[in-house]
C-alpha cells in the first residue's frame, strides 16, 4: 500500500488525481457527476437485463471503458464510475459483480467470473487524521486472459492475476498471482501450478 503523502501545490483537479491513483478527496463536483452517471446507467442496465440479457449489454458499452466482443455481464452490477472497468472479449461475468473502479480494472479475454465477486481498487490512509479528513487513493487490478475466479472472491487493489490462473471461491487476493497458478484462501496463497 502506498504511503500517505500529498503535494500541497498539486494543481490538478481531484478527478485527475483520482484517475492517476494519487491521493484525493472525493467531494469534487466532477467526481460526483461521474459517479451519478454510472449509478444511473447501472440502474438502466439492471432494469433492462431481465427482458433482454443480450441487448442490455449495449448499455454497458456506453458506460464501461471496454466491453469486448462476445463478453457478457449479468445484472446486477455495482461500480463507481464504469469508465475505468475494461472487460475483454468472450469474458463471462456472473451476477453481482462489485467493481470499485476508481482506477483501471482490466479483465482479460475469455475469463470466467463467478457470482458476487468484489474488485476493490480504493485504499485509505492508515493514519487516522488523513482518513478522517476523507483522503483516499487507488491501485489498479489486472486480470490476465482465461482466468477463472470463483464466486465470492475479493481482489484487492494493486494485484495482478496472471493468465490461465484459477482463484478459489471465497478467496481474498492481496498479492500478485503468477500465470497458470491455483490460489485459494484468505489471504490467497498459490497452492500449485496448473
N, C-alpha and C. Protein backbone atom coordinates (compact mmCIF):
# COMPACT_ATOMS: atom_id res chain seq x y z
N UNK A 1 0.84 -1.18 0.00
CA UNK A 1 0.00 0.00 0.00
C UNK A 1 0.88 1.24 0.00
N UNK A 2 0.52 2.20 -0.83
CA UNK A 2 1.33 3.41 -0.95
C UNK A 2 1.22 4.26 0.31
N UNK A 3 2.32 4.89 0.72
CA UNK A 3 2.27 5.74 1.92
C UNK A 3 1.46 7.00 1.65
N UNK A 4 0.86 7.52 2.71
CA UNK A 4 0.10 8.76 2.56
C UNK A 4 1.08 9.92 2.48
N UNK A 5 1.09 10.56 1.30
CA UNK A 5 1.95 11.71 1.08
C UNK A 5 1.31 12.55 -0.01
N UNK A 6 1.01 13.80 0.30
CA UNK A 6 0.37 14.66 -0.69
C UNK A 6 1.25 15.86 -0.99
N UNK A 7 1.10 16.38 -2.19
CA UNK A 7 1.78 17.59 -2.62
C UNK A 7 0.77 18.73 -2.53
N UNK A 8 0.97 19.59 -1.56
CA UNK A 8 0.04 20.72 -1.34
C UNK A 8 -0.05 21.65 -2.55
N UNK A 9 0.95 21.62 -3.43
CA UNK A 9 0.98 22.51 -4.59
C UNK A 9 0.51 21.83 -5.87
N UNK A 10 -0.05 20.63 -5.75
CA UNK A 10 -0.53 19.90 -6.93
C UNK A 10 -1.73 20.66 -7.52
N UNK A 11 -1.60 21.18 -8.77
CA UNK A 11 -2.67 21.99 -9.34
C UNK A 11 -3.80 21.17 -9.98
N UNK A 12 -3.64 19.86 -10.09
CA UNK A 12 -4.63 19.05 -10.78
C UNK A 12 -5.94 19.01 -9.99
N UNK A 13 -7.08 19.01 -10.70
CA UNK A 13 -8.35 18.80 -10.01
C UNK A 13 -8.40 17.39 -9.41
N UNK A 14 -9.26 17.22 -8.43
CA UNK A 14 -9.34 15.95 -7.70
C UNK A 14 -9.62 14.78 -8.64
N UNK A 15 -10.45 14.98 -9.67
CA UNK A 15 -10.77 13.86 -10.56
C UNK A 15 -9.53 13.37 -11.31
N UNK A 16 -8.64 14.28 -11.67
CA UNK A 16 -7.40 13.86 -12.35
C UNK A 16 -6.47 13.14 -11.39
N UNK A 17 -6.38 13.62 -10.15
CA UNK A 17 -5.56 12.92 -9.15
C UNK A 17 -6.13 11.53 -8.90
N UNK A 18 -7.47 11.43 -8.81
CA UNK A 18 -8.13 10.15 -8.59
C UNK A 18 -7.78 9.17 -9.71
N UNK A 19 -7.96 9.58 -10.95
CA UNK A 19 -7.74 8.70 -12.09
C UNK A 19 -6.28 8.29 -12.23
N UNK A 20 -5.37 9.08 -11.66
CA UNK A 20 -3.95 8.74 -11.68
C UNK A 20 -3.57 7.83 -10.52
N UNK A 21 -4.52 7.58 -9.60
CA UNK A 21 -4.23 6.74 -8.45
C UNK A 21 -3.60 7.48 -7.30
N UNK A 22 -3.55 8.81 -7.38
CA UNK A 22 -2.94 9.62 -6.33
C UNK A 22 -3.97 9.97 -5.26
N UNK A 23 -3.49 10.48 -4.13
CA UNK A 23 -4.38 10.84 -3.02
C UNK A 23 -5.28 12.00 -3.42
N UNK A 24 -6.56 11.91 -3.07
CA UNK A 24 -7.56 12.91 -3.40
C UNK A 24 -8.69 12.84 -2.39
N UNK A 25 -9.55 13.85 -2.40
CA UNK A 25 -10.78 13.83 -1.61
C UNK A 25 -11.94 13.83 -2.59
N UNK A 26 -12.91 12.94 -2.37
CA UNK A 26 -13.95 12.66 -3.36
C UNK A 26 -15.10 13.66 -3.37
N UNK A 27 -14.97 14.79 -2.72
CA UNK A 27 -16.08 15.75 -2.71
C UNK A 27 -16.09 16.67 -3.93
N UNK A 28 -15.22 16.43 -4.88
CA UNK A 28 -15.14 17.23 -6.10
C UNK A 28 -16.41 17.04 -6.93
N UNK A 29 -17.02 18.13 -7.45
CA UNK A 29 -18.25 18.00 -8.24
C UNK A 29 -18.11 17.12 -9.49
N UNK A 30 -16.95 17.15 -10.13
CA UNK A 30 -16.76 16.31 -11.32
C UNK A 30 -16.77 14.83 -10.95
N UNK A 31 -16.22 14.49 -9.81
CA UNK A 31 -16.23 13.10 -9.34
C UNK A 31 -17.66 12.68 -9.03
N UNK A 32 -18.39 13.55 -8.35
CA UNK A 32 -19.78 13.22 -8.00
C UNK A 32 -20.64 13.08 -9.25
N UNK A 33 -20.41 13.91 -10.25
CA UNK A 33 -21.16 13.82 -11.50
C UNK A 33 -20.87 12.49 -12.21
N UNK A 34 -19.60 12.08 -12.26
CA UNK A 34 -19.24 10.81 -12.90
C UNK A 34 -19.86 9.63 -12.15
N UNK A 35 -19.88 9.72 -10.85
CA UNK A 35 -20.47 8.65 -10.02
C UNK A 35 -21.98 8.55 -10.28
N UNK A 36 -22.67 9.69 -10.31
CA UNK A 36 -24.13 9.67 -10.55
C UNK A 36 -24.44 9.13 -11.94
N UNK A 37 -23.63 9.48 -12.94
CA UNK A 37 -23.82 8.97 -14.30
C UNK A 37 -23.72 7.45 -14.29
N UNK A 38 -22.74 6.91 -13.59
CA UNK A 38 -22.57 5.46 -13.53
C UNK A 38 -23.73 4.79 -12.79
N UNK A 39 -24.18 5.40 -11.70
CA UNK A 39 -25.33 4.84 -10.97
C UNK A 39 -26.56 4.74 -11.86
N UNK A 40 -26.81 5.81 -12.62
CA UNK A 40 -27.99 5.84 -13.48
C UNK A 40 -27.89 4.78 -14.58
N UNK A 41 -26.72 4.67 -15.22
CA UNK A 41 -26.55 3.69 -16.29
C UNK A 41 -26.63 2.26 -15.75
N UNK A 42 -26.05 2.01 -14.58
CA UNK A 42 -26.12 0.67 -13.98
C UNK A 42 -27.56 0.32 -13.63
N UNK A 43 -28.34 1.30 -13.18
CA UNK A 43 -29.75 1.06 -12.86
C UNK A 43 -30.54 0.74 -14.13
N UNK A 44 -30.26 1.45 -15.24
CA UNK A 44 -30.91 1.15 -16.52
C UNK A 44 -30.56 -0.26 -16.98
N UNK A 45 -29.28 -0.64 -16.84
CA UNK A 45 -28.83 -1.98 -17.20
C UNK A 45 -29.57 -3.03 -16.38
N UNK A 46 -29.71 -2.81 -15.09
CA UNK A 46 -30.38 -3.77 -14.21
C UNK A 46 -31.85 -3.92 -14.57
N UNK A 47 -32.51 -2.82 -14.94
CA UNK A 47 -33.92 -2.90 -15.33
C UNK A 47 -34.09 -3.62 -16.67
N UNK A 48 -33.14 -3.39 -17.59
CA UNK A 48 -33.25 -3.96 -18.94
C UNK A 48 -32.86 -5.43 -19.00
N UNK A 49 -32.00 -5.87 -18.11
CA UNK A 49 -31.43 -7.21 -18.22
C UNK A 49 -32.48 -8.33 -18.23
N UNK A 50 -33.48 -8.34 -17.34
CA UNK A 50 -34.43 -9.46 -17.34
C UNK A 50 -35.20 -9.60 -18.65
N UNK A 51 -35.50 -8.51 -19.32
CA UNK A 51 -36.25 -8.56 -20.57
C UNK A 51 -35.39 -8.92 -21.78
N UNK A 52 -34.11 -8.48 -21.75
CA UNK A 52 -33.25 -8.68 -22.91
C UNK A 52 -31.79 -8.76 -22.45
N UNK A 53 -31.36 -9.92 -21.93
CA UNK A 53 -29.99 -10.03 -21.42
C UNK A 53 -28.92 -9.63 -22.43
N UNK A 54 -29.08 -10.06 -23.68
CA UNK A 54 -28.06 -9.74 -24.67
C UNK A 54 -28.13 -8.27 -25.09
N UNK A 55 -29.32 -7.77 -25.33
CA UNK A 55 -29.48 -6.38 -25.74
C UNK A 55 -29.04 -5.39 -24.67
N UNK A 56 -29.20 -5.77 -23.41
CA UNK A 56 -28.83 -4.86 -22.32
C UNK A 56 -27.32 -4.60 -22.26
N UNK A 57 -26.54 -5.44 -22.92
CA UNK A 57 -25.08 -5.24 -22.93
C UNK A 57 -24.71 -3.94 -23.63
N UNK A 58 -25.59 -3.46 -24.53
CA UNK A 58 -25.31 -2.19 -25.21
C UNK A 58 -25.27 -1.02 -24.22
N UNK A 59 -26.06 -1.09 -23.16
CA UNK A 59 -26.00 -0.06 -22.13
C UNK A 59 -24.60 -0.03 -21.52
N UNK A 60 -24.04 -1.22 -21.28
CA UNK A 60 -22.70 -1.30 -20.71
C UNK A 60 -21.64 -0.78 -21.68
N UNK A 61 -21.85 -0.99 -22.96
CA UNK A 61 -20.87 -0.49 -23.95
C UNK A 61 -20.75 1.03 -23.87
N UNK A 62 -21.84 1.70 -23.51
CA UNK A 62 -21.79 3.15 -23.35
C UNK A 62 -21.29 3.61 -22.00
N UNK A 63 -21.14 2.69 -21.07
CA UNK A 63 -20.73 3.03 -19.71
C UNK A 63 -19.29 2.61 -19.41
N UNK A 64 -18.93 1.39 -19.79
CA UNK A 64 -17.62 0.86 -19.42
C UNK A 64 -16.52 1.39 -20.31
N UNK A 65 -15.30 1.31 -19.80
CA UNK A 65 -14.15 1.65 -20.62
C UNK A 65 -14.04 0.73 -21.82
N UNK A 66 -14.40 -0.54 -21.61
CA UNK A 66 -14.41 -1.53 -22.70
C UNK A 66 -15.29 -2.71 -22.30
N UNK A 67 -16.06 -3.18 -23.24
CA UNK A 67 -16.76 -4.46 -23.14
C UNK A 67 -16.50 -5.17 -24.45
N UNK A 68 -15.57 -6.13 -24.42
CA UNK A 68 -15.11 -6.80 -25.64
C UNK A 68 -16.18 -7.61 -26.33
N UNK A 69 -15.92 -7.91 -27.58
CA UNK A 69 -16.83 -8.70 -28.42
C UNK A 69 -17.15 -10.03 -27.73
N UNK A 70 -18.44 -10.33 -27.63
CA UNK A 70 -18.87 -11.59 -27.05
C UNK A 70 -18.80 -11.67 -25.54
N UNK A 71 -18.38 -10.60 -24.88
CA UNK A 71 -18.39 -10.58 -23.42
C UNK A 71 -19.83 -10.44 -22.94
N UNK A 72 -20.11 -10.98 -21.75
CA UNK A 72 -21.47 -10.90 -21.21
C UNK A 72 -21.40 -10.68 -19.71
N UNK A 73 -22.13 -9.67 -19.24
CA UNK A 73 -22.21 -9.34 -17.82
C UNK A 73 -23.65 -9.52 -17.37
N UNK A 74 -23.85 -10.29 -16.30
CA UNK A 74 -25.19 -10.45 -15.74
C UNK A 74 -25.44 -9.36 -14.70
N UNK A 75 -26.68 -8.90 -14.67
CA UNK A 75 -27.09 -7.91 -13.65
C UNK A 75 -27.37 -8.65 -12.35
N UNK A 76 -27.19 -7.99 -11.21
CA UNK A 76 -26.79 -6.59 -11.05
C UNK A 76 -25.28 -6.40 -11.13
N UNK A 77 -24.90 -5.19 -11.43
CA UNK A 77 -23.51 -4.76 -11.50
C UNK A 77 -23.39 -3.51 -10.65
N UNK A 78 -22.43 -3.50 -9.74
CA UNK A 78 -22.18 -2.33 -8.90
C UNK A 78 -20.80 -1.79 -9.22
N UNK A 79 -20.72 -0.51 -9.51
CA UNK A 79 -19.43 0.10 -9.81
C UNK A 79 -19.43 1.56 -9.38
N UNK A 80 -18.23 2.14 -9.38
CA UNK A 80 -18.12 3.55 -9.01
C UNK A 80 -18.30 4.45 -10.24
N UNK A 81 -17.56 4.19 -11.30
CA UNK A 81 -17.57 5.10 -12.45
C UNK A 81 -17.79 4.40 -13.78
N UNK A 82 -17.42 3.16 -13.89
CA UNK A 82 -17.63 2.41 -15.13
C UNK A 82 -16.53 2.61 -16.14
N UNK A 83 -16.09 3.84 -16.31
CA UNK A 83 -15.14 4.16 -17.37
C UNK A 83 -13.77 3.55 -17.16
N UNK A 84 -13.46 3.12 -15.95
CA UNK A 84 -12.16 2.50 -15.67
C UNK A 84 -12.26 0.97 -15.62
N UNK A 85 -13.44 0.42 -15.95
CA UNK A 85 -13.62 -1.03 -15.98
C UNK A 85 -13.53 -1.51 -17.43
N UNK A 86 -12.58 -2.41 -17.69
CA UNK A 86 -12.32 -2.93 -19.04
C UNK A 86 -12.47 -4.44 -19.00
N UNK A 87 -13.39 -4.97 -19.81
CA UNK A 87 -13.68 -6.41 -19.82
C UNK A 87 -13.38 -6.93 -21.23
N UNK A 88 -12.50 -7.92 -21.31
CA UNK A 88 -12.05 -8.44 -22.60
C UNK A 88 -13.08 -9.30 -23.31
N UNK A 89 -12.80 -9.55 -24.57
CA UNK A 89 -13.67 -10.33 -25.44
C UNK A 89 -13.91 -11.72 -24.86
N UNK A 90 -15.17 -12.17 -24.95
CA UNK A 90 -15.52 -13.52 -24.56
C UNK A 90 -15.55 -13.78 -23.06
N UNK A 91 -15.39 -12.76 -22.26
CA UNK A 91 -15.42 -12.94 -20.80
C UNK A 91 -16.86 -12.99 -20.31
N UNK A 92 -17.11 -13.87 -19.34
CA UNK A 92 -18.43 -14.00 -18.73
C UNK A 92 -18.33 -13.57 -17.27
N UNK A 93 -19.24 -12.65 -16.88
CA UNK A 93 -19.30 -12.13 -15.52
C UNK A 93 -20.67 -12.49 -14.95
N UNK A 94 -20.69 -13.31 -13.91
CA UNK A 94 -21.94 -13.75 -13.31
C UNK A 94 -22.54 -12.65 -12.43
N UNK A 95 -23.67 -12.96 -11.81
CA UNK A 95 -24.45 -11.99 -11.03
C UNK A 95 -23.63 -11.33 -9.92
N UNK A 96 -23.87 -10.05 -9.72
CA UNK A 96 -23.43 -9.37 -8.51
C UNK A 96 -21.98 -8.93 -8.47
N UNK A 97 -21.37 -8.61 -9.61
CA UNK A 97 -20.01 -8.08 -9.57
C UNK A 97 -20.03 -6.69 -8.94
N UNK A 98 -19.13 -6.48 -7.99
CA UNK A 98 -18.85 -5.15 -7.47
C UNK A 98 -17.47 -4.77 -7.95
N UNK A 99 -17.38 -3.73 -8.77
CA UNK A 99 -16.11 -3.28 -9.33
C UNK A 99 -15.92 -1.81 -8.95
N UNK A 100 -15.18 -1.56 -7.88
CA UNK A 100 -14.92 -0.19 -7.46
C UNK A 100 -13.76 0.33 -8.30
N UNK A 101 -14.12 0.87 -9.46
CA UNK A 101 -13.16 1.23 -10.50
C UNK A 101 -12.71 2.68 -10.38
N UNK A 102 -12.10 3.02 -9.26
CA UNK A 102 -11.53 4.35 -9.08
C UNK A 102 -10.38 4.55 -10.06
N UNK A 103 -9.60 3.50 -10.27
CA UNK A 103 -8.59 3.45 -11.33
C UNK A 103 -8.87 2.19 -12.15
N UNK A 104 -8.02 1.92 -13.12
CA UNK A 104 -8.28 0.83 -14.06
C UNK A 104 -8.42 -0.53 -13.39
N UNK A 105 -9.47 -1.22 -13.80
CA UNK A 105 -9.63 -2.65 -13.58
C UNK A 105 -9.66 -3.27 -14.97
N UNK A 106 -8.70 -4.11 -15.26
CA UNK A 106 -8.60 -4.72 -16.58
C UNK A 106 -8.76 -6.23 -16.45
N UNK A 107 -9.82 -6.73 -17.07
CA UNK A 107 -10.13 -8.16 -17.07
C UNK A 107 -9.86 -8.66 -18.49
N UNK A 108 -9.05 -9.70 -18.62
CA UNK A 108 -8.63 -10.18 -19.92
C UNK A 108 -9.72 -10.88 -20.72
N UNK A 109 -9.30 -11.51 -21.79
CA UNK A 109 -10.20 -12.22 -22.69
C UNK A 109 -10.50 -13.62 -22.15
N UNK A 110 -11.72 -14.09 -22.41
CA UNK A 110 -12.09 -15.46 -22.11
C UNK A 110 -12.08 -15.81 -20.64
N UNK A 111 -12.29 -14.85 -19.79
CA UNK A 111 -12.31 -15.11 -18.34
C UNK A 111 -13.69 -15.57 -17.89
N UNK A 112 -13.73 -16.24 -16.75
CA UNK A 112 -14.98 -16.66 -16.12
C UNK A 112 -14.97 -16.11 -14.70
N UNK A 113 -15.93 -15.22 -14.40
CA UNK A 113 -16.05 -14.65 -13.06
C UNK A 113 -17.34 -15.14 -12.43
N UNK A 114 -17.23 -15.80 -11.29
CA UNK A 114 -18.39 -16.32 -10.58
C UNK A 114 -19.22 -15.20 -9.97
N UNK A 115 -20.29 -15.56 -9.27
CA UNK A 115 -21.16 -14.55 -8.67
C UNK A 115 -20.53 -13.88 -7.46
N UNK A 116 -20.96 -12.66 -7.22
CA UNK A 116 -20.63 -11.90 -6.00
C UNK A 116 -19.14 -11.70 -5.79
N UNK A 117 -18.44 -11.40 -6.86
CA UNK A 117 -17.01 -11.08 -6.79
C UNK A 117 -16.85 -9.60 -6.52
N UNK A 118 -15.82 -9.26 -5.74
CA UNK A 118 -15.50 -7.87 -5.46
C UNK A 118 -14.11 -7.55 -6.00
N UNK A 119 -14.03 -6.50 -6.81
CA UNK A 119 -12.76 -5.98 -7.33
C UNK A 119 -12.62 -4.58 -6.75
N UNK A 120 -11.70 -4.42 -5.79
CA UNK A 120 -11.67 -3.22 -4.95
C UNK A 120 -10.37 -2.45 -5.12
N UNK A 121 -10.39 -1.38 -5.91
CA UNK A 121 -9.18 -0.59 -6.12
C UNK A 121 -8.92 0.47 -5.04
N UNK A 122 -9.92 1.01 -4.32
CA UNK A 122 -9.64 2.10 -3.39
C UNK A 122 -8.80 1.67 -2.19
N UNK A 123 -7.99 2.62 -1.74
CA UNK A 123 -7.25 2.47 -0.49
C UNK A 123 -7.46 3.74 0.33
N UNK A 124 -7.25 3.63 1.62
CA UNK A 124 -7.38 4.76 2.54
C UNK A 124 -6.13 4.82 3.40
N UNK A 125 -5.78 6.00 3.90
CA UNK A 125 -4.57 6.11 4.71
C UNK A 125 -4.67 5.27 5.98
N UNK A 126 -3.55 4.73 6.39
CA UNK A 126 -3.50 4.02 7.66
C UNK A 126 -3.57 5.00 8.82
N UNK A 127 -3.06 6.21 8.60
CA UNK A 127 -3.07 7.24 9.64
C UNK A 127 -4.48 7.76 9.85
N UNK A 128 -4.86 7.96 11.12
CA UNK A 128 -6.23 8.32 11.46
C UNK A 128 -6.65 9.69 10.93
N UNK A 129 -5.81 10.70 11.07
CA UNK A 129 -6.22 12.06 10.69
C UNK A 129 -6.53 12.21 9.20
N UNK A 130 -5.64 11.80 8.29
CA UNK A 130 -5.99 11.95 6.87
C UNK A 130 -7.18 11.08 6.47
N UNK A 131 -7.34 9.93 7.13
CA UNK A 131 -8.50 9.09 6.84
C UNK A 131 -9.77 9.80 7.29
N UNK A 132 -9.72 10.41 8.45
CA UNK A 132 -10.87 11.17 8.96
C UNK A 132 -11.20 12.36 8.05
N UNK A 133 -10.18 12.94 7.43
CA UNK A 133 -10.37 14.08 6.53
C UNK A 133 -10.92 13.67 5.17
N UNK A 134 -10.97 12.36 4.89
CA UNK A 134 -11.57 11.90 3.64
C UNK A 134 -10.60 11.59 2.52
N UNK A 135 -9.31 11.55 2.81
CA UNK A 135 -8.35 11.24 1.76
C UNK A 135 -8.47 9.78 1.34
N UNK A 136 -8.31 9.54 0.05
CA UNK A 136 -8.27 8.19 -0.48
C UNK A 136 -7.43 8.18 -1.75
N UNK A 137 -7.05 7.00 -2.19
CA UNK A 137 -6.32 6.80 -3.44
C UNK A 137 -6.77 5.45 -3.99
N UNK A 138 -6.08 4.95 -4.99
CA UNK A 138 -6.45 3.67 -5.55
C UNK A 138 -5.26 3.04 -6.24
N UNK A 139 -5.34 1.71 -6.36
CA UNK A 139 -4.32 0.95 -7.07
C UNK A 139 -5.03 0.02 -8.04
N UNK A 140 -4.53 -0.11 -9.28
CA UNK A 140 -5.24 -0.88 -10.32
C UNK A 140 -5.25 -2.38 -10.06
N UNK A 141 -6.16 -3.05 -10.74
CA UNK A 141 -6.26 -4.51 -10.74
C UNK A 141 -6.16 -4.98 -12.18
N UNK A 142 -5.33 -5.99 -12.39
CA UNK A 142 -5.18 -6.57 -13.73
C UNK A 142 -5.40 -8.08 -13.65
N UNK A 143 -6.30 -8.57 -14.48
CA UNK A 143 -6.62 -9.99 -14.54
C UNK A 143 -6.32 -10.46 -15.96
N UNK A 144 -5.42 -11.43 -16.09
CA UNK A 144 -5.00 -11.90 -17.41
C UNK A 144 -6.07 -12.68 -18.13
N UNK A 145 -5.75 -13.12 -19.33
CA UNK A 145 -6.68 -13.89 -20.16
C UNK A 145 -6.93 -15.27 -19.54
N UNK A 146 -8.14 -15.79 -19.76
CA UNK A 146 -8.53 -17.15 -19.40
C UNK A 146 -8.38 -17.43 -17.90
N UNK A 147 -8.71 -16.44 -17.09
CA UNK A 147 -8.68 -16.62 -15.64
C UNK A 147 -10.08 -16.98 -15.17
N UNK A 148 -10.16 -17.92 -14.23
CA UNK A 148 -11.43 -18.29 -13.59
C UNK A 148 -11.35 -17.83 -12.15
N UNK A 149 -12.30 -16.99 -11.75
CA UNK A 149 -12.38 -16.51 -10.37
C UNK A 149 -13.67 -17.06 -9.77
N UNK A 150 -13.53 -17.86 -8.73
CA UNK A 150 -14.68 -18.49 -8.09
C UNK A 150 -15.55 -17.48 -7.35
N UNK A 151 -16.81 -17.85 -7.15
CA UNK A 151 -17.78 -16.98 -6.52
C UNK A 151 -17.34 -16.48 -5.16
N UNK A 152 -17.68 -15.22 -4.89
CA UNK A 152 -17.42 -14.62 -3.59
C UNK A 152 -15.98 -14.21 -3.36
N UNK A 153 -15.12 -14.32 -4.36
CA UNK A 153 -13.72 -13.91 -4.19
C UNK A 153 -13.62 -12.39 -4.14
N UNK A 154 -12.59 -11.92 -3.46
CA UNK A 154 -12.28 -10.49 -3.37
C UNK A 154 -10.87 -10.27 -3.86
N UNK A 155 -10.71 -9.32 -4.78
CA UNK A 155 -9.40 -8.97 -5.31
C UNK A 155 -9.11 -7.53 -4.87
N UNK A 156 -7.98 -7.34 -4.19
CA UNK A 156 -7.61 -6.05 -3.63
C UNK A 156 -6.79 -5.25 -4.65
N UNK A 157 -6.89 -3.93 -4.60
CA UNK A 157 -6.14 -3.06 -5.49
C UNK A 157 -4.64 -3.32 -5.45
N UNK A 158 -4.01 -3.15 -6.60
CA UNK A 158 -2.59 -3.37 -6.73
C UNK A 158 -2.23 -4.78 -7.14
N UNK A 159 -3.24 -5.65 -7.29
CA UNK A 159 -3.00 -7.07 -7.59
C UNK A 159 -3.08 -7.33 -9.09
N UNK A 160 -2.19 -8.19 -9.57
CA UNK A 160 -2.25 -8.73 -10.92
C UNK A 160 -2.40 -10.24 -10.82
N UNK A 161 -3.30 -10.79 -11.63
CA UNK A 161 -3.50 -12.23 -11.70
C UNK A 161 -3.10 -12.67 -13.10
N UNK A 162 -2.13 -13.57 -13.18
CA UNK A 162 -1.60 -14.00 -14.47
C UNK A 162 -2.57 -14.84 -15.26
N UNK A 163 -2.36 -14.90 -16.56
CA UNK A 163 -3.20 -15.66 -17.48
C UNK A 163 -3.29 -17.12 -17.06
N UNK A 164 -4.44 -17.71 -17.35
CA UNK A 164 -4.70 -19.14 -17.15
C UNK A 164 -4.73 -19.56 -15.68
N UNK A 165 -4.87 -18.61 -14.76
CA UNK A 165 -4.92 -18.92 -13.34
C UNK A 165 -6.34 -19.17 -12.87
N UNK A 166 -6.46 -19.78 -11.69
CA UNK A 166 -7.75 -20.02 -11.06
C UNK A 166 -7.66 -19.50 -9.63
N UNK A 167 -8.69 -18.74 -9.22
CA UNK A 167 -8.80 -18.22 -7.87
C UNK A 167 -9.98 -18.94 -7.22
N UNK A 168 -9.75 -19.60 -6.09
CA UNK A 168 -10.78 -20.37 -5.43
C UNK A 168 -11.90 -19.51 -4.89
N UNK A 169 -13.09 -20.08 -4.84
CA UNK A 169 -14.27 -19.37 -4.32
C UNK A 169 -14.00 -18.87 -2.91
N UNK A 170 -14.41 -17.64 -2.64
CA UNK A 170 -14.27 -17.05 -1.32
C UNK A 170 -12.88 -16.56 -0.97
N UNK A 171 -11.93 -16.69 -1.88
CA UNK A 171 -10.57 -16.26 -1.60
C UNK A 171 -10.46 -14.74 -1.55
N UNK A 172 -9.48 -14.26 -0.79
CA UNK A 172 -9.16 -12.83 -0.73
C UNK A 172 -7.75 -12.68 -1.26
N UNK A 173 -7.63 -12.09 -2.44
CA UNK A 173 -6.34 -11.99 -3.13
C UNK A 173 -5.71 -10.64 -2.81
N UNK A 174 -4.62 -10.69 -2.06
CA UNK A 174 -3.94 -9.48 -1.62
C UNK A 174 -2.56 -9.31 -2.25
N UNK A 175 -2.11 -10.35 -2.99
CA UNK A 175 -0.80 -10.33 -3.65
C UNK A 175 -0.94 -10.86 -5.06
N UNK A 176 0.02 -10.51 -5.90
CA UNK A 176 0.01 -10.99 -7.28
C UNK A 176 -0.02 -12.51 -7.32
N UNK A 177 -0.70 -13.03 -8.36
CA UNK A 177 -0.76 -14.47 -8.61
C UNK A 177 -0.11 -14.71 -9.97
N UNK A 178 0.94 -15.55 -10.03
CA UNK A 178 1.59 -15.80 -11.31
C UNK A 178 0.67 -16.52 -12.29
N UNK A 179 1.02 -16.48 -13.55
CA UNK A 179 0.26 -17.18 -14.59
C UNK A 179 0.20 -18.67 -14.27
N UNK A 180 -0.87 -19.30 -14.71
CA UNK A 180 -1.07 -20.75 -14.59
C UNK A 180 -0.94 -21.26 -13.16
N UNK A 181 -1.56 -20.52 -12.22
CA UNK A 181 -1.50 -20.89 -10.80
C UNK A 181 -2.90 -21.07 -10.24
N UNK A 182 -3.00 -21.93 -9.23
CA UNK A 182 -4.22 -22.07 -8.45
C UNK A 182 -3.96 -21.42 -7.09
N UNK A 183 -4.77 -20.40 -6.76
CA UNK A 183 -4.61 -19.68 -5.50
C UNK A 183 -5.92 -19.77 -4.73
N UNK A 184 -5.83 -20.09 -3.44
CA UNK A 184 -7.02 -20.22 -2.60
C UNK A 184 -6.73 -19.67 -1.20
N UNK A 185 -7.81 -19.32 -0.50
CA UNK A 185 -7.71 -18.96 0.90
C UNK A 185 -7.80 -17.46 1.15
N UNK A 186 -7.65 -17.12 2.45
CA UNK A 186 -7.73 -15.73 2.88
C UNK A 186 -6.65 -15.48 3.92
N UNK A 187 -5.57 -14.83 3.55
CA UNK A 187 -5.27 -14.34 2.20
C UNK A 187 -4.92 -15.50 1.26
N UNK A 188 -5.20 -15.29 -0.01
CA UNK A 188 -4.98 -16.34 -1.02
C UNK A 188 -3.50 -16.68 -1.13
N UNK A 189 -3.23 -17.97 -1.23
CA UNK A 189 -1.89 -18.46 -1.44
C UNK A 189 -1.90 -19.39 -2.64
N UNK A 190 -0.83 -19.33 -3.43
CA UNK A 190 -0.70 -20.25 -4.56
C UNK A 190 -0.39 -21.63 -4.01
N UNK A 191 -1.26 -22.60 -4.36
CA UNK A 191 -1.04 -23.95 -3.84
C UNK A 191 -0.48 -24.91 -4.88
N UNK A 192 -0.60 -24.53 -6.17
CA UNK A 192 0.05 -25.34 -7.20
C UNK A 192 0.01 -24.64 -8.53
N UNK A 193 0.85 -25.14 -9.43
CA UNK A 193 0.89 -24.66 -10.80
C UNK A 193 -0.08 -25.49 -11.63
N UNK A 194 -0.75 -24.84 -12.56
CA UNK A 194 -1.72 -25.54 -13.42
C UNK A 194 -1.11 -25.88 -14.77
